[in-house]
């Protein structure tokens, strides 16, 4: 199982990063990849529905044959993400 998590953090002078992972992450050996990218303060964190519709990500799973109902699958992923945010 591969799970992608994204969060914004503040890098402190001691450069120690602590992560609390959601309960859905299995216990045991894992490879964790950290990508450090600057956050642009002048960009809004969330876009509009029109921004999303114009995104190349919109309809990304439309042609997937291994997902019989991509809309239901996407709704399930969004619900899981919302539960992680609210936990």
C-alpha atoms as a PDB file:
ATOM      1  CA  UNK A   1       0.000   0.000   0.000  1.00  0.00           C
ATOM      2  CA  UNK A   2       1.305   3.434  -0.917  1.00  0.00           C
ATOM      3  CA  UNK A   3      -0.275   6.412   0.798  1.00  0.00           C
ATOM      4  CA  UNK A   4       0.519   9.990  -0.184  1.00  0.00           C
ATOM      5  CA  UNK A   5       0.218  12.603   2.542  1.00  0.00           C
ATOM      6  CA  UNK A   6       0.760  16.309   2.095  1.00  0.00           C
ATOM      7  CA  UNK A   7       1.156  18.926   4.805  1.00  0.00           C
ATOM      8  CA  UNK A   8       2.765  22.312   5.281  1.00  0.00           C
ATOM      9  CA  UNK A   9       5.303  22.677   8.081  1.00  0.00           C
ATOM     10  CA  UNK A  10       7.654  25.305   9.437  1.00  0.00           C
ATOM     11  CA  UNK A  11      11.306  24.274   9.217  1.00  0.00           C
ATOM     12  CA  UNK A  12      12.907  25.265  12.529  1.00  0.00           C
ATOM     13  CA  UNK A  13      16.599  26.086  13.056  1.00  0.00           C
ATOM     14  CA  UNK A  14      17.249  22.622  14.555  1.00  0.00           C
ATOM     15  CA  UNK A  15      15.808  21.029  11.376  1.00  0.00           C
ATOM     16  CA  UNK A  16      13.919  18.365  13.309  1.00  0.00           C
ATOM     17  CA  UNK A  17      10.652  17.366  11.698  1.00  0.00           C
ATOM     18  CA  UNK A  18       8.006  15.475  13.684  1.00  0.00           C
ATOM     19  CA  UNK A  19       5.093  13.857  11.889  1.00  0.00           C
ATOM     20  CA  UNK A  20       1.967  12.346  13.358  1.00  0.00           C
ATOM     21  CA  UNK A  21       0.566   9.917  10.826  1.00  0.00           C
ATOM     22  CA  UNK A  22      -3.104   8.972  10.475  1.00  0.00           C
ATOM     23  CA  UNK A  23      -4.260   5.641  11.868  1.00  0.00           C
ATOM     24  CA  UNK A  24      -4.702   4.342   8.298  1.00  0.00           C
ATOM     25  CA  UNK A  25      -0.904   4.162   7.878  1.00  0.00           C
ATOM     26  CA  UNK A  26       0.181   0.590   8.666  1.00  0.00           C
ATOM     27  CA  UNK A  27       2.678  -0.070  11.444  1.00  0.00           C
ATOM     28  CA  UNK A  28       6.047  -1.546  10.454  1.00  0.00           C
ATOM     29  CA  UNK A  29       8.941  -0.809   8.136  1.00  0.00           C
ATOM     30  CA  UNK A  30       8.266   1.909   5.584  1.00  0.00           C
ATOM     31  CA  UNK A  31      10.084   4.171   3.202  1.00  0.00           C
ATOM     32  CA  UNK A  32       9.288   7.837   3.812  1.00  0.00           C
ATOM     33  CA  UNK A  33      10.212  10.391   1.166  1.00  0.00           C
ATOM     34  CA  UNK A  34      10.414  14.044   2.158  1.00  0.00           C
ATOM     35  CA  UNK A  35      10.127  16.735  -0.493  1.00  0.00           C
ATOM     36  CA  UNK A  36      11.020  20.241   0.656  1.00  0.00           C
ATOM     37  CA  UNK A  37       9.463  22.931  -1.516  1.00  0.00           C
ATOM     38  CA  UNK A  38       9.037  26.610  -0.694  1.00  0.00           C
ATOM     39  CA  UNK A  39       5.522  27.792   0.070  1.00  0.00           C
ATOM     40  CA  UNK A  40       4.499  30.927  -1.773  1.00  0.00           C
ATOM     41  CA  UNK A  41       2.721  33.125   0.756  1.00  0.00           C
ATOM     42  CA  UNK A  42       0.966  35.222  -1.888  1.00  0.00           C
ATOM     43  CA  UNK A  43      -0.854  32.235  -3.439  1.00  0.00           C
ATOM     44  CA  UNK A  44      -4.240  31.237  -2.031  1.00  0.00           C
ATOM     45  CA  UNK A  45      -4.289  27.820  -0.376  1.00  0.00           C
ATOM     46  CA  UNK A  46      -7.543  26.833  -2.094  1.00  0.00           C
ATOM     47  CA  UNK A  47      -8.819  27.500  -5.584  1.00  0.00           C
ATOM     48  CA  UNK A  48     -12.312  27.865  -6.912  1.00  0.00           C
ATOM     49  CA  UNK A  49     -14.423  25.219  -8.631  1.00  0.00           C
ATOM     50  CA  UNK A  50     -13.603  26.918 -11.944  1.00  0.00           C
ATOM     51  CA  UNK A  51      -9.874  26.639 -11.141  1.00  0.00           C
ATOM     52  CA  UNK A  52     -10.316  22.925 -10.523  1.00  0.00           C
ATOM     53  CA  UNK A  53     -12.340  22.419 -13.701  1.00  0.00           C
ATOM     54  CA  UNK A  54      -9.573  24.156 -15.688  1.00  0.00           C
ATOM     55  CA  UNK A  55      -6.895  21.984 -14.054  1.00  0.00           C
ATOM     56  CA  UNK A  56      -5.228  19.175 -16.016  1.00  0.00           C
ATOM     57  CA  UNK A  57      -6.183  16.949 -13.044  1.00  0.00           C
ATOM     58  CA  UNK A  58      -9.896  17.338 -13.808  1.00  0.00           C
ATOM     59  CA  UNK A  59     -11.114  14.097 -15.399  1.00  0.00           C
ATOM     60  CA  UNK A  60      -7.781  12.384 -14.767  1.00  0.00           C
ATOM     61  CA  UNK A  61      -9.409   9.008 -14.079  1.00  0.00           C
ATOM     62  CA  UNK A  62     -12.071   9.249 -16.775  1.00  0.00           C
ATOM     63  CA  UNK A  63     -10.360   6.719 -19.059  1.00  0.00           C
ATOM     64  CA  UNK A  64      -9.330   4.258 -16.313  1.00  0.00           C
ATOM     65  CA  UNK A  65     -10.682   0.784 -17.056  1.00  0.00           C
ATOM     66  CA  UNK A  66      -9.679  -0.624 -13.644  1.00  0.00           C
ATOM     67  CA  UNK A  67     -12.057   1.794 -11.857  1.00  0.00           C
ATOM     68  CA  UNK A  68     -15.628   0.910 -12.795  1.00  0.00           C
ATOM     69  CA  UNK A  69     -16.977   4.132 -11.255  1.00  0.00           C
ATOM     70  CA  UNK A  70     -14.277   6.780 -10.954  1.00  0.00           C
ATOM     71  CA  UNK A  71     -16.667   9.383  -9.489  1.00  0.00           C
ATOM     72  CA  UNK A  72     -17.573   7.083  -6.577  1.00  0.00           C
ATOM     73  CA  UNK A  73     -13.899   6.241  -6.055  1.00  0.00           C
ATOM     74  CA  UNK A  74     -12.963   9.944  -6.008  1.00  0.00           C
ATOM     75  CA  UNK A  75     -15.755  10.695  -3.501  1.00  0.00           C
ATOM     76  CA  UNK A  76     -14.452   7.917  -1.249  1.00  0.00           C
ATOM     77  CA  UNK A  77     -10.906   9.319  -1.404  1.00  0.00           C
ATOM     78  CA  UNK A  78     -12.180  12.820  -0.567  1.00  0.00           C
ATOM     79  CA  UNK A  79     -14.162  11.460   2.401  1.00  0.00           C
ATOM     80  CA  UNK A  80     -11.052   9.667   3.701  1.00  0.00           C
ATOM     81  CA  UNK A  81      -9.016  12.873   3.369  1.00  0.00           C
ATOM     82  CA  UNK A  82     -11.671  14.882   5.207  1.00  0.00           C
ATOM     83  CA  UNK A  83     -11.673  12.379   8.079  1.00  0.00           C
ATOM     84  CA  UNK A  84      -7.861  12.699   8.357  1.00  0.00           C
ATOM     85  CA  UNK A  85      -8.126  16.499   8.506  1.00  0.00           C
ATOM     86  CA  UNK A  86     -10.805  16.369  11.204  1.00  0.00           C
ATOM     87  CA  UNK A  87      -9.012  13.761  13.367  1.00  0.00           C
END
